[in-house]
Amino acid sequence: MKDKKSLIIYFSRADENYAVGYVEKGNTEYVAEYLKEFTNADMFKVEPLVPYAKDYQTCIEEAKERIGNAPIKNKIDDISEYEVIYILTPIYWGTYAPELETAIKDLDFSSKTIRIITTHEGSGLANVVKDIKNLCKGANVLDNAMAIVGSKAKDSRNVVENWVKEL
């Protein structure tokens, strides 16, 4: 996989994170940076048009309201040059962050390979793999997705390296 042209699409949020407290960089962003180190993939950070509240409880309520309608600052228009797409997201309400859906829902995933990583504090992969398979028609969504406990994301470099080497 690491010899193929790759793109990391990720959503990550700083401020107050569950079980971590206030952070300057979101858990998923640490993982995305480690992944880039081992794959040399291009990166695209999905950012909400309207930032989430800084406190965790308000943020998750806002995320619930944004399901199905989460505007983002910038979109990716074309992924045709990539063979492998890595999708990284925290778990929000049992699946990916709403902004991630906005970023990828209109892309052509025909003949792309997708690998998934989630960050969580007990949800594991939740419904992300199933939901990505439903959203990314024509893609080969690999079942060896990885779930990283968010409070351990900052120290997950070796875990990410071993996961990359699996294929």
N, C-alpha and C. Protein backbone atom coordinates (compact mmCIF):
# COMPACT_ATOMS: atom_id res chain seq x y z
N MET A 1 0.82 -1.20 0.00
CA MET A 1 0.00 0.00 0.00
C MET A 1 0.86 1.27 0.00
N LYS A 2 2.00 1.21 0.68
CA LYS A 2 2.71 2.47 0.84
C LYS A 2 3.40 2.94 -0.43
N ASP A 3 3.45 2.11 -1.46
CA ASP A 3 4.01 2.54 -2.74
C ASP A 3 2.95 3.16 -3.65
N LYS A 4 1.71 3.13 -3.23
CA LYS A 4 0.62 3.66 -4.04
C LYS A 4 0.34 5.11 -3.66
N LYS A 5 -0.08 5.89 -4.64
CA LYS A 5 -0.44 7.29 -4.40
C LYS A 5 -1.63 7.32 -3.45
N SER A 6 -1.46 7.99 -2.31
CA SER A 6 -2.45 7.93 -1.24
C SER A 6 -2.85 9.31 -0.73
N LEU A 7 -4.04 9.35 -0.16
CA LEU A 7 -4.59 10.57 0.42
C LEU A 7 -5.19 10.23 1.78
N ILE A 8 -4.87 11.05 2.76
CA ILE A 8 -5.48 10.94 4.09
C ILE A 8 -6.54 12.04 4.19
N ILE A 9 -7.77 11.63 4.40
CA ILE A 9 -8.86 12.57 4.64
C ILE A 9 -9.25 12.38 6.11
N TYR A 10 -9.16 13.46 6.88
CA TYR A 10 -9.45 13.29 8.30
C TYR A 10 -10.17 14.49 8.89
N PHE A 11 -10.90 14.20 9.95
CA PHE A 11 -11.53 15.23 10.77
C PHE A 11 -10.96 15.08 12.17
N SER A 12 -10.61 16.19 12.78
CA SER A 12 -10.10 16.16 14.15
C SER A 12 -10.47 17.48 14.82
N ARG A 13 -10.70 17.41 16.10
CA ARG A 13 -11.12 18.60 16.84
C ARG A 13 -10.28 18.76 18.10
N ALA A 14 -9.74 19.94 18.27
CA ALA A 14 -9.00 20.27 19.49
C ALA A 14 -10.01 20.67 20.58
N ASP A 15 -9.58 21.47 21.52
CA ASP A 15 -10.40 21.93 22.64
C ASP A 15 -10.68 20.76 23.59
N GLU A 16 -11.83 20.72 24.25
CA GLU A 16 -12.08 19.66 25.22
C GLU A 16 -12.46 18.36 24.52
N ASN A 17 -11.71 17.33 24.78
CA ASN A 17 -11.98 16.00 24.24
C ASN A 17 -12.32 15.07 25.41
N TYR A 18 -13.21 14.15 25.17
CA TYR A 18 -13.64 13.21 26.20
C TYR A 18 -12.45 12.43 26.74
N ALA A 19 -12.32 12.36 28.05
CA ALA A 19 -11.28 11.60 28.76
C ALA A 19 -9.87 12.16 28.56
N VAL A 20 -9.73 13.24 27.83
CA VAL A 20 -8.40 13.81 27.58
C VAL A 20 -8.31 15.21 28.19
N GLY A 21 -9.41 15.93 28.23
CA GLY A 21 -9.39 17.31 28.68
C GLY A 21 -9.14 18.24 27.50
N TYR A 22 -8.70 19.45 27.79
CA TYR A 22 -8.47 20.44 26.74
C TYR A 22 -7.13 20.17 26.05
N VAL A 23 -7.17 20.13 24.73
CA VAL A 23 -5.97 19.85 23.94
C VAL A 23 -5.85 20.87 22.81
N GLU A 24 -4.62 21.14 22.42
CA GLU A 24 -4.38 22.07 21.32
C GLU A 24 -4.51 21.41 19.96
N LYS A 25 -4.37 20.09 19.94
CA LYS A 25 -4.48 19.32 18.70
C LYS A 25 -5.38 18.12 19.00
N GLY A 26 -6.31 17.85 18.09
CA GLY A 26 -7.23 16.74 18.30
C GLY A 26 -6.55 15.39 18.21
N ASN A 27 -7.15 14.39 18.85
CA ASN A 27 -6.61 13.04 18.87
C ASN A 27 -6.40 12.47 17.47
N THR A 28 -7.37 12.65 16.60
CA THR A 28 -7.29 12.08 15.25
C THR A 28 -6.18 12.75 14.45
N GLU A 29 -5.89 13.99 14.73
CA GLU A 29 -4.81 14.67 14.00
C GLU A 29 -3.45 14.05 14.31
N TYR A 30 -3.23 13.66 15.56
CA TYR A 30 -1.98 12.95 15.88
C TYR A 30 -1.85 11.69 15.03
N VAL A 31 -2.92 10.93 14.96
CA VAL A 31 -2.91 9.68 14.21
C VAL A 31 -2.67 9.97 12.73
N ALA A 32 -3.32 10.99 12.19
CA ALA A 32 -3.13 11.35 10.78
C ALA A 32 -1.68 11.71 10.49
N GLU A 33 -1.05 12.43 11.40
CA GLU A 33 0.35 12.81 11.20
C GLU A 33 1.27 11.58 11.23
N TYR A 34 1.00 10.65 12.13
CA TYR A 34 1.79 9.41 12.14
C TYR A 34 1.58 8.63 10.85
N LEU A 35 0.33 8.57 10.40
CA LEU A 35 0.02 7.84 9.17
C LEU A 35 0.76 8.45 7.98
N LYS A 36 0.79 9.76 7.91
CA LYS A 36 1.52 10.44 6.83
C LYS A 36 3.00 10.07 6.87
N GLU A 37 3.55 10.02 8.05
CA GLU A 37 4.96 9.67 8.22
C GLU A 37 5.27 8.30 7.60
N PHE A 38 4.36 7.36 7.74
CA PHE A 38 4.62 5.99 7.28
C PHE A 38 4.11 5.70 5.87
N THR A 39 3.31 6.60 5.31
CA THR A 39 2.75 6.35 3.97
C THR A 39 3.16 7.40 2.95
N ASN A 40 3.62 8.54 3.43
CA ASN A 40 3.94 9.67 2.56
C ASN A 40 2.71 10.14 1.77
N ALA A 41 1.54 9.92 2.33
CA ALA A 41 0.29 10.31 1.68
C ALA A 41 0.10 11.82 1.76
N ASP A 42 -0.66 12.35 0.82
CA ASP A 42 -1.12 13.73 0.91
C ASP A 42 -2.18 13.78 2.01
N MET A 43 -2.40 14.96 2.57
CA MET A 43 -3.37 15.09 3.65
C MET A 43 -4.41 16.16 3.35
N PHE A 44 -5.63 15.89 3.77
CA PHE A 44 -6.70 16.86 3.68
C PHE A 44 -7.44 16.85 5.01
N LYS A 45 -7.38 17.98 5.71
CA LYS A 45 -8.09 18.10 6.98
C LYS A 45 -9.45 18.71 6.72
N VAL A 46 -10.48 18.01 7.12
CA VAL A 46 -11.85 18.49 6.99
C VAL A 46 -12.12 19.42 8.17
N GLU A 47 -12.55 20.65 7.85
CA GLU A 47 -12.81 21.63 8.90
C GLU A 47 -14.23 22.17 8.79
N PRO A 48 -14.92 22.24 9.92
CA PRO A 48 -16.29 22.76 9.88
C PRO A 48 -16.32 24.23 9.50
N LEU A 49 -17.33 24.62 8.77
CA LEU A 49 -17.51 26.03 8.42
C LEU A 49 -17.71 26.86 9.69
N VAL A 50 -18.51 26.33 10.59
CA VAL A 50 -18.73 26.96 11.90
C VAL A 50 -18.05 26.07 12.94
N PRO A 51 -17.04 26.58 13.63
CA PRO A 51 -16.34 25.76 14.62
C PRO A 51 -17.29 25.26 15.71
N TYR A 52 -16.93 24.10 16.23
CA TYR A 52 -17.68 23.55 17.36
C TYR A 52 -17.36 24.34 18.63
N ALA A 53 -18.26 24.25 19.59
CA ALA A 53 -18.02 24.83 20.91
C ALA A 53 -16.76 24.19 21.51
N LYS A 54 -16.11 24.91 22.37
CA LYS A 54 -14.87 24.40 22.97
C LYS A 54 -15.13 23.29 23.97
N ASP A 55 -16.26 23.32 24.68
CA ASP A 55 -16.52 22.28 25.67
C ASP A 55 -17.13 21.05 25.01
N TYR A 56 -16.78 19.89 25.52
CA TYR A 56 -17.14 18.61 24.90
C TYR A 56 -18.66 18.40 24.84
N GLN A 57 -19.35 18.62 25.94
CA GLN A 57 -20.79 18.33 25.98
C GLN A 57 -21.57 19.14 24.94
N THR A 58 -21.26 20.42 24.82
CA THR A 58 -21.93 21.25 23.82
C THR A 58 -21.55 20.79 22.42
N CYS A 59 -20.29 20.45 22.24
CA CYS A 59 -19.81 19.98 20.93
C CYS A 59 -20.60 18.76 20.45
N ILE A 60 -20.78 17.77 21.30
CA ILE A 60 -21.48 16.56 20.82
C ILE A 60 -22.95 16.84 20.52
N GLU A 61 -23.54 17.78 21.24
CA GLU A 61 -24.92 18.16 20.91
C GLU A 61 -24.97 18.88 19.55
N GLU A 62 -23.98 19.74 19.31
CA GLU A 62 -23.90 20.41 18.02
C GLU A 62 -23.69 19.40 16.90
N ALA A 63 -22.85 18.40 17.15
CA ALA A 63 -22.59 17.37 16.13
C ALA A 63 -23.87 16.62 15.79
N LYS A 64 -24.68 16.33 16.79
CA LYS A 64 -25.95 15.64 16.55
C LYS A 64 -26.86 16.47 15.64
N GLU A 65 -26.87 17.79 15.87
CA GLU A 65 -27.69 18.68 15.04
C GLU A 65 -27.17 18.78 13.61
N ARG A 66 -25.87 18.54 13.40
CA ARG A 66 -25.26 18.68 12.08
C ARG A 66 -25.34 17.43 11.22
N ILE A 67 -25.80 16.33 11.78
CA ILE A 67 -25.88 15.09 11.01
C ILE A 67 -26.73 15.34 9.76
N GLY A 68 -26.17 15.05 8.60
CA GLY A 68 -26.86 15.24 7.33
C GLY A 68 -26.75 16.65 6.76
N ASN A 69 -26.20 17.60 7.54
CA ASN A 69 -26.06 18.97 7.08
C ASN A 69 -24.94 19.66 7.85
N ALA A 70 -23.71 19.34 7.47
CA ALA A 70 -22.55 19.88 8.18
C ALA A 70 -21.64 20.60 7.19
N PRO A 71 -21.86 21.88 6.97
CA PRO A 71 -21.04 22.63 6.02
C PRO A 71 -19.56 22.64 6.44
N ILE A 72 -18.69 22.61 5.43
CA ILE A 72 -17.24 22.62 5.70
C ILE A 72 -16.58 23.78 4.97
N LYS A 73 -15.38 24.15 5.42
CA LYS A 73 -14.65 25.28 4.85
C LYS A 73 -14.22 25.00 3.41
N ASN A 74 -13.62 23.85 3.17
CA ASN A 74 -13.10 23.50 1.84
C ASN A 74 -13.49 22.08 1.49
N LYS A 75 -13.69 21.84 0.21
CA LYS A 75 -14.03 20.49 -0.26
C LYS A 75 -12.92 19.98 -1.16
N ILE A 76 -12.86 18.68 -1.25
CA ILE A 76 -11.99 18.01 -2.21
C ILE A 76 -12.87 17.79 -3.44
N ASP A 77 -12.40 18.20 -4.60
CA ASP A 77 -13.21 18.03 -5.80
C ASP A 77 -12.87 16.77 -6.58
N ASP A 78 -11.62 16.33 -6.48
CA ASP A 78 -11.17 15.24 -7.35
C ASP A 78 -10.15 14.38 -6.62
N ILE A 79 -10.41 13.08 -6.58
CA ILE A 79 -9.46 12.15 -5.96
C ILE A 79 -8.94 11.15 -7.00
N SER A 80 -9.10 11.47 -8.26
CA SER A 80 -8.76 10.52 -9.33
C SER A 80 -7.30 10.11 -9.34
N GLU A 81 -6.40 10.96 -8.86
CA GLU A 81 -4.97 10.62 -8.89
C GLU A 81 -4.56 9.65 -7.79
N TYR A 82 -5.44 9.36 -6.85
CA TYR A 82 -5.11 8.52 -5.71
C TYR A 82 -5.64 7.10 -5.88
N GLU A 83 -4.85 6.14 -5.40
CA GLU A 83 -5.28 4.74 -5.40
C GLU A 83 -5.83 4.33 -4.04
N VAL A 84 -5.21 4.86 -2.98
CA VAL A 84 -5.59 4.51 -1.62
C VAL A 84 -6.05 5.76 -0.89
N ILE A 85 -7.19 5.66 -0.23
CA ILE A 85 -7.73 6.76 0.56
C ILE A 85 -7.83 6.27 2.00
N TYR A 86 -7.18 6.99 2.88
CA TYR A 86 -7.29 6.72 4.31
C TYR A 86 -8.32 7.70 4.88
N ILE A 87 -9.28 7.17 5.60
CA ILE A 87 -10.31 8.00 6.21
C ILE A 87 -10.17 7.86 7.72
N LEU A 88 -9.96 9.00 8.38
CA LEU A 88 -9.76 9.02 9.82
C LEU A 88 -10.79 9.94 10.45
N THR A 89 -11.40 9.46 11.53
CA THR A 89 -12.45 10.23 12.18
C THR A 89 -12.62 9.83 13.64
N PRO A 90 -13.00 10.79 14.47
CA PRO A 90 -13.47 10.41 15.80
C PRO A 90 -14.88 9.83 15.65
N ILE A 91 -15.32 9.13 16.66
CA ILE A 91 -16.68 8.61 16.66
C ILE A 91 -17.62 9.67 17.23
N TYR A 92 -18.59 10.06 16.43
CA TYR A 92 -19.65 10.98 16.86
C TYR A 92 -20.98 10.27 16.63
N TRP A 93 -21.72 10.06 17.68
CA TRP A 93 -23.05 9.48 17.59
C TRP A 93 -23.05 8.15 16.81
N GLY A 94 -22.06 7.32 17.10
CA GLY A 94 -22.04 5.97 16.54
C GLY A 94 -21.45 5.84 15.16
N THR A 95 -20.92 6.92 14.61
CA THR A 95 -20.33 6.87 13.26
C THR A 95 -19.30 7.98 13.09
N TYR A 96 -19.00 8.31 11.85
CA TYR A 96 -18.02 9.36 11.55
C TYR A 96 -18.57 10.75 11.87
N ALA A 97 -17.66 11.71 11.98
CA ALA A 97 -18.06 13.10 12.21
C ALA A 97 -18.90 13.59 11.03
N PRO A 98 -19.96 14.35 11.27
CA PRO A 98 -20.84 14.79 10.19
C PRO A 98 -20.10 15.53 9.06
N GLU A 99 -19.09 16.30 9.40
CA GLU A 99 -18.33 17.05 8.39
C GLU A 99 -17.58 16.11 7.45
N LEU A 100 -17.19 14.96 7.93
CA LEU A 100 -16.51 14.00 7.08
C LEU A 100 -17.44 13.53 5.95
N GLU A 101 -18.69 13.29 6.30
CA GLU A 101 -19.66 12.90 5.27
C GLU A 101 -19.80 14.00 4.21
N THR A 102 -19.88 15.24 4.64
CA THR A 102 -19.96 16.34 3.69
C THR A 102 -18.76 16.34 2.74
N ALA A 103 -17.59 16.06 3.28
CA ALA A 103 -16.36 16.11 2.49
C ALA A 103 -16.27 15.00 1.45
N ILE A 104 -16.83 13.83 1.75
CA ILE A 104 -16.60 12.68 0.85
C ILE A 104 -17.82 12.21 0.07
N LYS A 105 -19.00 12.67 0.41
CA LYS A 105 -20.21 12.08 -0.15
C LYS A 105 -20.35 12.21 -1.67
N ASP A 106 -19.75 13.20 -2.28
CA ASP A 106 -19.91 13.38 -3.73
C ASP A 106 -18.68 12.97 -4.53
N LEU A 107 -17.72 12.33 -3.89
CA LEU A 107 -16.49 11.93 -4.58
C LEU A 107 -16.69 10.61 -5.32
N ASP A 108 -15.91 10.42 -6.36
CA ASP A 108 -15.95 9.17 -7.13
C ASP A 108 -14.92 8.21 -6.56
N PHE A 109 -15.39 7.21 -5.85
CA PHE A 109 -14.52 6.23 -5.21
C PHE A 109 -14.34 4.97 -6.04
N SER A 110 -14.76 4.98 -7.29
CA SER A 110 -14.62 3.80 -8.15
C SER A 110 -13.16 3.34 -8.17
N SER A 111 -12.98 2.07 -7.91
CA SER A 111 -11.67 1.39 -7.90
C SER A 111 -10.65 1.97 -6.93
N LYS A 112 -11.11 2.65 -5.90
CA LYS A 112 -10.22 3.13 -4.84
C LYS A 112 -10.22 2.11 -3.71
N THR A 113 -9.11 2.04 -3.00
CA THR A 113 -9.03 1.23 -1.79
C THR A 113 -9.12 2.20 -0.61
N ILE A 114 -9.98 1.87 0.35
CA ILE A 114 -10.17 2.72 1.52
C ILE A 114 -9.75 1.95 2.77
N ARG A 115 -8.94 2.61 3.58
CA ARG A 115 -8.57 2.09 4.90
C ARG A 115 -9.05 3.10 5.94
N ILE A 116 -9.56 2.60 7.05
CA ILE A 116 -10.23 3.45 8.04
C ILE A 116 -9.55 3.35 9.40
N ILE A 117 -9.43 4.51 10.05
CA ILE A 117 -9.00 4.57 11.45
C ILE A 117 -9.98 5.47 12.20
N THR A 118 -10.42 5.02 13.37
CA THR A 118 -11.24 5.85 14.24
C THR A 118 -10.49 6.12 15.54
N THR A 119 -10.86 7.23 16.17
CA THR A 119 -10.44 7.48 17.54
C THR A 119 -11.71 7.53 18.38
N HIS A 120 -11.61 7.03 19.61
CA HIS A 120 -12.81 6.86 20.43
C HIS A 120 -12.41 6.70 21.89
N GLU A 121 -13.38 6.70 22.75
CA GLU A 121 -13.15 6.40 24.16
C GLU A 121 -14.07 5.28 24.62
N GLY A 122 -14.29 4.32 23.76
CA GLY A 122 -15.10 3.16 24.13
C GLY A 122 -15.99 2.67 23.01
N SER A 123 -16.11 3.42 21.94
CA SER A 123 -17.00 3.05 20.83
C SER A 123 -16.34 2.16 19.79
N GLY A 124 -15.03 2.02 19.84
CA GLY A 124 -14.33 1.22 18.84
C GLY A 124 -14.54 1.79 17.45
N LEU A 125 -14.91 0.92 16.53
CA LEU A 125 -15.18 1.36 15.16
C LEU A 125 -16.62 1.82 14.99
N ALA A 126 -17.47 1.51 15.99
CA ALA A 126 -18.90 1.82 15.91
C ALA A 126 -19.44 1.35 14.56
N ASN A 127 -20.18 2.21 13.84
CA ASN A 127 -20.75 1.85 12.53
C ASN A 127 -19.96 2.42 11.37
N VAL A 128 -18.77 2.90 11.63
CA VAL A 128 -18.02 3.63 10.61
C VAL A 128 -17.75 2.78 9.37
N VAL A 129 -17.27 1.57 9.51
CA VAL A 129 -16.93 0.76 8.34
C VAL A 129 -18.16 0.53 7.48
N LYS A 130 -19.25 0.13 8.09
CA LYS A 130 -20.50 -0.09 7.35
C LYS A 130 -20.97 1.20 6.68
N ASP A 131 -20.92 2.29 7.40
CA ASP A 131 -21.39 3.56 6.86
C ASP A 131 -20.50 4.07 5.73
N ILE A 132 -19.19 3.88 5.83
CA ILE A 132 -18.28 4.27 4.75
C ILE A 132 -18.54 3.40 3.52
N LYS A 133 -18.77 2.11 3.72
CA LYS A 133 -19.09 1.23 2.58
C LYS A 133 -20.35 1.71 1.87
N ASN A 134 -21.34 2.14 2.62
CA ASN A 134 -22.58 2.64 2.02
C ASN A 134 -22.38 3.97 1.31
N LEU A 135 -21.51 4.80 1.82
CA LEU A 135 -21.30 6.14 1.28
C LEU A 135 -20.36 6.16 0.08
N CYS A 136 -19.35 5.32 0.11
CA CYS A 136 -18.27 5.35 -0.90
C CYS A 136 -18.47 4.24 -1.92
N LYS A 137 -19.47 4.37 -2.74
CA LYS A 137 -19.83 3.36 -3.74
C LYS A 137 -18.67 3.10 -4.70
N GLY A 138 -18.44 1.84 -5.01
CA GLY A 138 -17.40 1.46 -5.95
C GLY A 138 -16.03 1.28 -5.33
N ALA A 139 -15.89 1.60 -4.05
CA ALA A 139 -14.60 1.47 -3.38
C ALA A 139 -14.44 0.08 -2.78
N ASN A 140 -13.20 -0.31 -2.62
CA ASN A 140 -12.86 -1.52 -1.88
C ASN A 140 -12.51 -1.06 -0.47
N VAL A 141 -13.49 -1.10 0.43
CA VAL A 141 -13.29 -0.68 1.81
C VAL A 141 -12.76 -1.88 2.58
N LEU A 142 -11.51 -1.79 3.00
CA LEU A 142 -10.88 -2.92 3.68
C LEU A 142 -11.45 -3.09 5.09
N ASP A 143 -11.60 -4.34 5.48
CA ASP A 143 -12.20 -4.65 6.77
C ASP A 143 -11.21 -4.56 7.93
N ASN A 144 -9.93 -4.36 7.63
CA ASN A 144 -8.95 -4.29 8.72
C ASN A 144 -8.82 -2.87 9.27
N ALA A 145 -9.96 -2.25 9.50
CA ALA A 145 -9.97 -0.90 10.07
C ALA A 145 -9.39 -0.96 11.48
N MET A 146 -8.92 0.18 11.95
CA MET A 146 -8.31 0.24 13.27
C MET A 146 -8.99 1.30 14.12
N ALA A 147 -9.22 0.95 15.38
CA ALA A 147 -9.79 1.87 16.36
C ALA A 147 -8.73 2.16 17.42
N ILE A 148 -8.47 3.44 17.63
CA ILE A 148 -7.47 3.86 18.62
C ILE A 148 -8.18 4.65 19.72
N VAL A 149 -7.93 4.27 20.95
CA VAL A 149 -8.50 5.00 22.07
C VAL A 149 -7.94 6.42 22.04
N GLY A 150 -8.83 7.39 22.04
CA GLY A 150 -8.42 8.79 21.88
C GLY A 150 -7.39 9.25 22.89
N SER A 151 -7.54 8.83 24.14
CA SER A 151 -6.59 9.24 25.17
C SER A 151 -5.21 8.62 24.96
N LYS A 152 -5.10 7.66 24.04
CA LYS A 152 -3.81 7.04 23.72
C LYS A 152 -3.31 7.44 22.33
N ALA A 153 -4.06 8.28 21.64
CA ALA A 153 -3.72 8.65 20.26
C ALA A 153 -2.36 9.32 20.16
N LYS A 154 -2.05 10.16 21.10
CA LYS A 154 -0.78 10.89 21.08
C LYS A 154 0.41 9.93 21.14
N ASP A 155 0.20 8.76 21.73
CA ASP A 155 1.26 7.76 21.88
C ASP A 155 1.06 6.56 20.96
N SER A 156 0.35 6.74 19.85
CA SER A 156 -0.01 5.61 18.98
C SER A 156 0.91 5.43 17.77
N ARG A 157 2.03 6.10 17.75
CA ARG A 157 2.92 6.06 16.59
C ARG A 157 3.27 4.62 16.18
N ASN A 158 3.68 3.79 17.12
CA ASN A 158 4.07 2.41 16.79
C ASN A 158 2.88 1.57 16.34
N VAL A 159 1.73 1.82 16.93
CA VAL A 159 0.52 1.10 16.54
C VAL A 159 0.17 1.42 15.08
N VAL A 160 0.25 2.69 14.73
CA VAL A 160 -0.03 3.12 13.35
C VAL A 160 1.00 2.52 12.40
N GLU A 161 2.25 2.55 12.78
CA GLU A 161 3.30 1.97 11.92
C GLU A 161 3.04 0.49 11.65
N ASN A 162 2.70 -0.27 12.68
CA ASN A 162 2.43 -1.71 12.50
C ASN A 162 1.21 -1.94 11.64
N TRP A 163 0.18 -1.10 11.77
CA TRP A 163 -1.04 -1.24 10.97
C TRP A 163 -0.74 -0.99 9.50
N VAL A 164 0.08 0.02 9.22
CA VAL A 164 0.46 0.32 7.84
C VAL A 164 1.20 -0.87 7.22
N LYS A 165 2.04 -1.52 8.01
CA LYS A 165 2.85 -2.63 7.50
C LYS A 165 2.04 -3.90 7.26
N GLU A 166 0.80 -3.97 7.78
CA GLU A 166 -0.03 -5.16 7.64
C GLU A 166 -0.28 -5.53 6.18
N LEU A 167 -0.37 -4.55 5.30
CA LEU A 167 -0.70 -4.84 3.90
C LEU A 167 0.47 -4.54 3.00
